[in-house]
């Protein structure tokens, strides 16, 4: 089996960059512009990412891909959620048990936007 090409496709990289910028703009504006941007920016990003994805055809390849994703994404997200918990504890008076509960839920659920009550 030949090794897949790692050559970048410039127009796909540019389109993904535009989709990311639109995501930032979409979160900052309101009204009809917000609705227009949110109607396509994430589907565009995922379609383009899928276009450049590489097929995993062995168990070793799957384990290697999952390991890489955990190292790159999940650990960074967990660190950010823990930092948010520290910020919540310092600036919003709450019981430490509630802060820990929200933090653990955030780490395993994938989001931690709530201020503990």
N, C-alpha and C. Protein backbone atom coordinates (compact mmCIF):
# COMPACT_ATOMS: atom_id res chain seq x y z
N UNK A 1 0.85 -1.17 0.00
CA UNK A 1 0.00 0.00 0.00
C UNK A 1 0.90 1.24 0.00
N UNK A 2 0.58 2.20 -0.83
CA UNK A 2 1.38 3.41 -0.89
C UNK A 2 0.96 4.40 0.18
N UNK A 3 1.91 5.21 0.59
CA UNK A 3 1.63 6.22 1.62
C UNK A 3 0.83 7.36 0.98
N UNK A 4 -0.24 7.82 1.67
CA UNK A 4 -1.04 8.90 1.10
C UNK A 4 -0.24 10.20 1.04
N UNK A 5 -0.57 11.03 0.09
CA UNK A 5 0.10 12.30 -0.10
C UNK A 5 -0.23 13.26 1.03
N UNK A 6 0.77 13.97 1.50
CA UNK A 6 0.56 14.95 2.56
C UNK A 6 0.59 16.38 2.01
N UNK A 7 0.52 16.50 0.71
CA UNK A 7 0.54 17.82 0.07
C UNK A 7 -0.73 18.59 0.43
N UNK A 8 -0.57 19.85 0.84
CA UNK A 8 -1.70 20.69 1.23
C UNK A 8 -2.42 21.20 -0.03
N UNK A 9 -3.72 21.37 0.10
CA UNK A 9 -4.52 21.93 -0.99
C UNK A 9 -4.87 23.35 -0.58
N UNK A 10 -4.28 24.32 -1.25
CA UNK A 10 -4.33 25.72 -0.81
C UNK A 10 -5.76 26.26 -0.73
N UNK A 11 -6.60 25.97 -1.72
CA UNK A 11 -7.94 26.56 -1.70
C UNK A 11 -8.77 26.00 -0.55
N UNK A 12 -8.52 24.74 -0.16
CA UNK A 12 -9.25 24.16 0.97
C UNK A 12 -8.79 24.82 2.28
N UNK A 13 -7.48 25.02 2.42
CA UNK A 13 -6.98 25.69 3.61
C UNK A 13 -7.55 27.11 3.72
N UNK A 14 -7.63 27.82 2.61
CA UNK A 14 -8.18 29.18 2.63
C UNK A 14 -9.67 29.17 2.96
N UNK A 15 -10.41 28.23 2.41
CA UNK A 15 -11.84 28.14 2.70
C UNK A 15 -12.08 27.80 4.16
N UNK A 16 -11.26 26.90 4.72
CA UNK A 16 -11.39 26.58 6.15
C UNK A 16 -11.04 27.78 7.01
N UNK A 17 -10.04 28.55 6.62
CA UNK A 17 -9.68 29.76 7.36
C UNK A 17 -10.82 30.77 7.34
N UNK A 18 -11.46 30.92 6.20
CA UNK A 18 -12.61 31.84 6.10
C UNK A 18 -13.75 31.35 6.98
N UNK A 19 -14.00 30.05 7.00
CA UNK A 19 -15.07 29.49 7.85
C UNK A 19 -14.76 29.74 9.32
N UNK A 20 -13.50 29.62 9.72
CA UNK A 20 -13.12 29.89 11.11
C UNK A 20 -13.32 31.36 11.44
N UNK A 21 -12.91 32.25 10.55
CA UNK A 21 -13.12 33.68 10.78
C UNK A 21 -14.60 34.02 10.86
N UNK A 22 -15.41 33.41 10.01
CA UNK A 22 -16.85 33.64 10.07
C UNK A 22 -17.43 33.14 11.38
N UNK A 23 -16.88 32.07 11.93
CA UNK A 23 -17.34 31.59 13.22
C UNK A 23 -17.11 32.64 14.30
N UNK A 24 -15.93 33.25 14.29
CA UNK A 24 -15.62 34.30 15.27
C UNK A 24 -16.55 35.49 15.08
N UNK A 25 -16.72 35.93 13.85
CA UNK A 25 -17.61 37.06 13.56
C UNK A 25 -19.04 36.71 13.96
N UNK A 26 -19.48 35.50 13.64
CA UNK A 26 -20.84 35.08 13.95
C UNK A 26 -21.15 35.09 15.43
N UNK A 27 -20.14 34.84 16.26
CA UNK A 27 -20.36 34.86 17.70
C UNK A 27 -20.36 36.28 18.27
N UNK A 28 -19.93 37.25 17.48
CA UNK A 28 -19.84 38.62 17.97
C UNK A 28 -20.93 39.54 17.45
N UNK A 29 -21.60 39.18 16.38
CA UNK A 29 -22.64 40.04 15.81
C UNK A 29 -24.01 39.45 16.07
N UNK A 30 -25.02 40.21 15.77
CA UNK A 30 -26.38 39.73 15.94
C UNK A 30 -27.21 39.98 14.70
N UNK A 31 -28.49 39.74 14.82
CA UNK A 31 -29.42 40.04 13.73
C UNK A 31 -29.32 39.11 12.56
N UNK A 32 -29.58 39.66 11.38
CA UNK A 32 -29.62 38.85 10.17
C UNK A 32 -28.25 38.37 9.74
N UNK A 33 -27.20 39.12 10.06
CA UNK A 33 -25.84 38.67 9.72
C UNK A 33 -25.51 37.40 10.49
N UNK A 34 -25.89 37.37 11.76
CA UNK A 34 -25.68 36.20 12.61
C UNK A 34 -26.38 34.99 12.00
N UNK A 35 -27.63 35.15 11.62
CA UNK A 35 -28.40 34.05 11.04
C UNK A 35 -27.77 33.58 9.73
N UNK A 36 -27.34 34.51 8.91
CA UNK A 36 -26.74 34.17 7.62
C UNK A 36 -25.44 33.39 7.81
N UNK A 37 -24.57 33.88 8.69
CA UNK A 37 -23.28 33.21 8.92
C UNK A 37 -23.49 31.82 9.51
N UNK A 38 -24.40 31.71 10.48
CA UNK A 38 -24.61 30.42 11.14
C UNK A 38 -25.34 29.42 10.24
N UNK A 39 -25.86 29.87 9.12
CA UNK A 39 -26.55 28.94 8.22
C UNK A 39 -25.57 28.06 7.44
N UNK A 40 -24.29 28.45 7.37
CA UNK A 40 -23.38 27.65 6.54
C UNK A 40 -21.96 27.50 7.05
N UNK A 41 -21.50 28.31 7.99
CA UNK A 41 -20.06 28.29 8.28
C UNK A 41 -19.57 26.98 8.87
N UNK A 42 -20.27 26.36 9.80
CA UNK A 42 -19.80 25.09 10.36
C UNK A 42 -19.97 23.92 9.40
N UNK A 43 -21.11 23.81 8.69
CA UNK A 43 -21.17 22.74 7.69
C UNK A 43 -20.04 22.85 6.65
N UNK A 44 -19.72 24.08 6.22
CA UNK A 44 -18.63 24.28 5.27
C UNK A 44 -17.31 23.78 5.85
N UNK A 45 -17.03 24.14 7.09
CA UNK A 45 -15.79 23.73 7.73
C UNK A 45 -15.70 22.20 7.84
N UNK A 46 -16.79 21.55 8.25
CA UNK A 46 -16.75 20.09 8.41
C UNK A 46 -16.67 19.37 7.06
N UNK A 47 -17.35 19.89 6.06
CA UNK A 47 -17.26 19.28 4.74
C UNK A 47 -15.83 19.36 4.21
N UNK A 48 -15.21 20.52 4.34
CA UNK A 48 -13.84 20.67 3.87
C UNK A 48 -12.86 19.83 4.68
N UNK A 49 -13.09 19.72 5.97
CA UNK A 49 -12.22 18.88 6.80
C UNK A 49 -12.37 17.41 6.43
N UNK A 50 -13.58 16.98 6.14
CA UNK A 50 -13.81 15.61 5.71
C UNK A 50 -13.19 15.32 4.36
N UNK A 51 -13.17 16.33 3.50
CA UNK A 51 -12.57 16.18 2.17
C UNK A 51 -11.09 15.87 2.27
N UNK A 52 -10.43 16.43 3.28
CA UNK A 52 -8.99 16.22 3.42
C UNK A 52 -8.65 15.12 4.42
N UNK A 53 -9.65 14.49 5.01
CA UNK A 53 -9.39 13.44 6.00
C UNK A 53 -8.79 12.20 5.32
N UNK A 54 -8.01 11.48 6.09
CA UNK A 54 -7.37 10.27 5.59
C UNK A 54 -8.11 9.06 6.14
N UNK A 55 -8.29 8.05 5.32
CA UNK A 55 -8.99 6.85 5.74
C UNK A 55 -8.12 6.03 6.68
N UNK A 56 -8.71 5.53 7.75
CA UNK A 56 -8.01 4.68 8.70
C UNK A 56 -8.48 3.25 8.43
N UNK A 57 -7.53 2.38 8.06
CA UNK A 57 -7.94 1.03 7.67
C UNK A 57 -7.33 -0.08 8.51
N UNK A 58 -6.65 0.26 9.60
CA UNK A 58 -6.13 -0.77 10.50
C UNK A 58 -6.45 -0.37 11.95
N UNK A 59 -6.43 -1.36 12.84
CA UNK A 59 -6.66 -1.08 14.26
C UNK A 59 -5.53 -0.21 14.80
N UNK A 60 -4.31 -0.47 14.37
CA UNK A 60 -3.18 0.35 14.81
C UNK A 60 -3.37 1.80 14.37
N UNK A 61 -3.81 2.00 13.14
CA UNK A 61 -4.06 3.35 12.65
C UNK A 61 -5.15 4.06 13.43
N UNK A 62 -6.20 3.31 13.78
CA UNK A 62 -7.29 3.89 14.58
C UNK A 62 -6.79 4.29 15.96
N UNK A 63 -6.04 3.40 16.60
CA UNK A 63 -5.49 3.72 17.94
C UNK A 63 -4.55 4.92 17.87
N UNK A 64 -3.75 4.99 16.84
CA UNK A 64 -2.82 6.11 16.68
C UNK A 64 -3.58 7.42 16.47
N UNK A 65 -4.64 7.40 15.68
CA UNK A 65 -5.45 8.60 15.44
C UNK A 65 -6.14 9.05 16.71
N UNK A 66 -6.73 8.11 17.45
CA UNK A 66 -7.42 8.46 18.70
C UNK A 66 -6.43 9.02 19.71
N UNK A 67 -5.26 8.41 19.81
CA UNK A 67 -4.24 8.89 20.73
C UNK A 67 -3.82 10.32 20.39
N UNK A 68 -3.65 10.58 19.11
CA UNK A 68 -3.26 11.92 18.67
C UNK A 68 -4.36 12.94 18.98
N UNK A 69 -5.61 12.55 18.77
CA UNK A 69 -6.72 13.46 19.07
C UNK A 69 -6.81 13.75 20.56
N UNK A 70 -6.60 12.74 21.39
CA UNK A 70 -6.66 12.95 22.84
C UNK A 70 -5.56 13.91 23.27
N UNK A 71 -4.37 13.70 22.75
CA UNK A 71 -3.26 14.58 23.13
C UNK A 71 -3.48 16.00 22.66
N UNK A 72 -3.97 16.17 21.45
CA UNK A 72 -4.11 17.51 20.89
C UNK A 72 -5.34 18.26 21.37
N UNK A 73 -6.44 17.57 21.52
CA UNK A 73 -7.71 18.26 21.76
C UNK A 73 -8.20 18.09 23.18
N UNK A 74 -8.37 16.87 23.63
CA UNK A 74 -9.04 16.64 24.91
C UNK A 74 -8.24 17.18 26.09
N UNK A 75 -6.92 16.96 26.09
CA UNK A 75 -6.10 17.44 27.20
C UNK A 75 -6.12 18.97 27.24
N UNK A 76 -6.00 19.62 26.10
CA UNK A 76 -6.06 21.08 26.06
C UNK A 76 -7.42 21.58 26.54
N UNK A 77 -8.48 20.94 26.11
CA UNK A 77 -9.83 21.34 26.54
C UNK A 77 -9.99 21.15 28.05
N UNK A 78 -9.47 20.06 28.59
CA UNK A 78 -9.57 19.82 30.03
C UNK A 78 -8.82 20.89 30.81
N UNK A 79 -7.65 21.28 30.33
CA UNK A 79 -6.89 22.35 30.99
C UNK A 79 -7.67 23.66 30.96
N UNK A 80 -8.27 23.97 29.82
CA UNK A 80 -9.05 25.22 29.72
C UNK A 80 -10.26 25.18 30.64
N UNK A 81 -10.91 24.05 30.76
CA UNK A 81 -12.07 23.92 31.65
C UNK A 81 -11.64 24.09 33.11
N UNK A 82 -10.50 23.53 33.47
CA UNK A 82 -9.99 23.69 34.83
C UNK A 82 -9.67 25.15 35.11
N UNK A 83 -9.06 25.85 34.15
CA UNK A 83 -8.78 27.27 34.33
C UNK A 83 -10.07 28.07 34.48
N UNK A 84 -11.09 27.72 33.72
CA UNK A 84 -12.38 28.39 33.86
C UNK A 84 -12.97 28.13 35.24
N UNK A 85 -12.80 26.92 35.78
CA UNK A 85 -13.30 26.61 37.11
C UNK A 85 -12.60 27.46 38.17
N UNK A 86 -11.30 27.64 38.01
CA UNK A 86 -10.56 28.49 38.95
C UNK A 86 -11.07 29.92 38.88
N UNK A 87 -11.29 30.41 37.67
CA UNK A 87 -11.85 31.75 37.50
C UNK A 87 -13.23 31.85 38.15
N UNK A 88 -14.08 30.87 37.91
CA UNK A 88 -15.42 30.88 38.52
C UNK A 88 -15.33 30.89 40.04
N UNK A 89 -14.42 30.10 40.59
CA UNK A 89 -14.30 30.03 42.05
C UNK A 89 -13.81 31.36 42.62
N UNK A 90 -12.89 32.01 41.92
CA UNK A 90 -12.33 33.26 42.42
C UNK A 90 -13.29 34.45 42.29
N UNK A 91 -14.06 34.49 41.21
CA UNK A 91 -14.87 35.68 40.93
C UNK A 91 -16.36 35.53 41.19
N UNK A 92 -16.85 34.31 41.28
CA UNK A 92 -18.27 34.07 41.56
C UNK A 92 -18.36 33.21 42.81
N UNK A 93 -18.79 33.81 43.92
CA UNK A 93 -18.84 33.02 45.16
C UNK A 93 -19.71 31.78 45.01
N UNK A 94 -19.11 30.64 45.23
CA UNK A 94 -19.83 29.37 45.13
C UNK A 94 -19.13 28.37 46.03
N UNK A 95 -19.87 27.35 46.40
CA UNK A 95 -19.26 26.29 47.20
C UNK A 95 -18.29 25.50 46.32
N UNK A 96 -17.18 25.12 46.90
CA UNK A 96 -16.15 24.40 46.16
C UNK A 96 -16.69 23.09 45.58
N UNK A 97 -17.63 22.46 46.28
CA UNK A 97 -18.19 21.20 45.75
C UNK A 97 -18.95 21.44 44.45
N UNK A 98 -19.65 22.58 44.35
CA UNK A 98 -20.35 22.90 43.11
C UNK A 98 -19.38 23.21 41.98
N UNK A 99 -18.29 23.91 42.32
CA UNK A 99 -17.27 24.21 41.30
C UNK A 99 -16.66 22.92 40.78
N UNK A 100 -16.33 22.01 41.67
CA UNK A 100 -15.74 20.72 41.26
C UNK A 100 -16.73 19.93 40.41
N UNK A 101 -17.99 19.91 40.83
CA UNK A 101 -19.02 19.17 40.07
C UNK A 101 -19.15 19.70 38.65
N UNK A 102 -19.23 21.03 38.50
CA UNK A 102 -19.36 21.63 37.17
C UNK A 102 -18.11 21.37 36.34
N UNK A 103 -16.94 21.41 36.98
CA UNK A 103 -15.69 21.19 36.27
C UNK A 103 -15.58 19.75 35.76
N UNK A 104 -15.87 18.78 36.61
CA UNK A 104 -15.80 17.38 36.20
C UNK A 104 -16.81 17.11 35.09
N UNK A 105 -18.02 17.65 35.24
CA UNK A 105 -19.02 17.48 34.18
C UNK A 105 -18.52 18.12 32.89
N UNK A 106 -17.88 19.28 32.99
CA UNK A 106 -17.36 19.95 31.80
C UNK A 106 -16.27 19.16 31.11
N UNK A 107 -15.38 18.57 31.90
CA UNK A 107 -14.29 17.80 31.30
C UNK A 107 -14.81 16.59 30.54
N UNK A 108 -15.79 15.90 31.10
CA UNK A 108 -16.27 14.69 30.44
C UNK A 108 -17.44 14.94 29.51
N UNK A 109 -18.12 16.08 29.64
CA UNK A 109 -19.23 16.40 28.76
C UNK A 109 -18.76 17.22 27.57
N UNK A 110 -17.68 17.98 27.77
CA UNK A 110 -17.09 18.72 26.67
C UNK A 110 -17.39 20.21 26.68
N UNK A 111 -18.09 20.69 27.67
CA UNK A 111 -18.40 22.11 27.74
C UNK A 111 -18.50 22.51 29.19
N UNK A 112 -18.10 23.74 29.48
CA UNK A 112 -18.16 24.20 30.87
C UNK A 112 -18.42 25.70 30.87
N UNK A 113 -19.57 26.11 30.43
CA UNK A 113 -19.89 27.52 30.40
C UNK A 113 -20.68 27.98 31.60
N UNK A 114 -21.11 27.06 32.43
CA UNK A 114 -22.00 27.42 33.52
C UNK A 114 -21.22 27.91 34.73
N UNK A 115 -21.76 28.92 35.36
CA UNK A 115 -21.22 29.38 36.63
C UNK A 115 -21.88 28.55 37.71
N UNK A 116 -21.12 27.90 38.58
CA UNK A 116 -21.73 27.04 39.58
C UNK A 116 -22.64 27.83 40.53
N UNK A 117 -23.79 27.27 40.83
CA UNK A 117 -24.75 27.95 41.70
C UNK A 117 -24.54 27.60 43.14
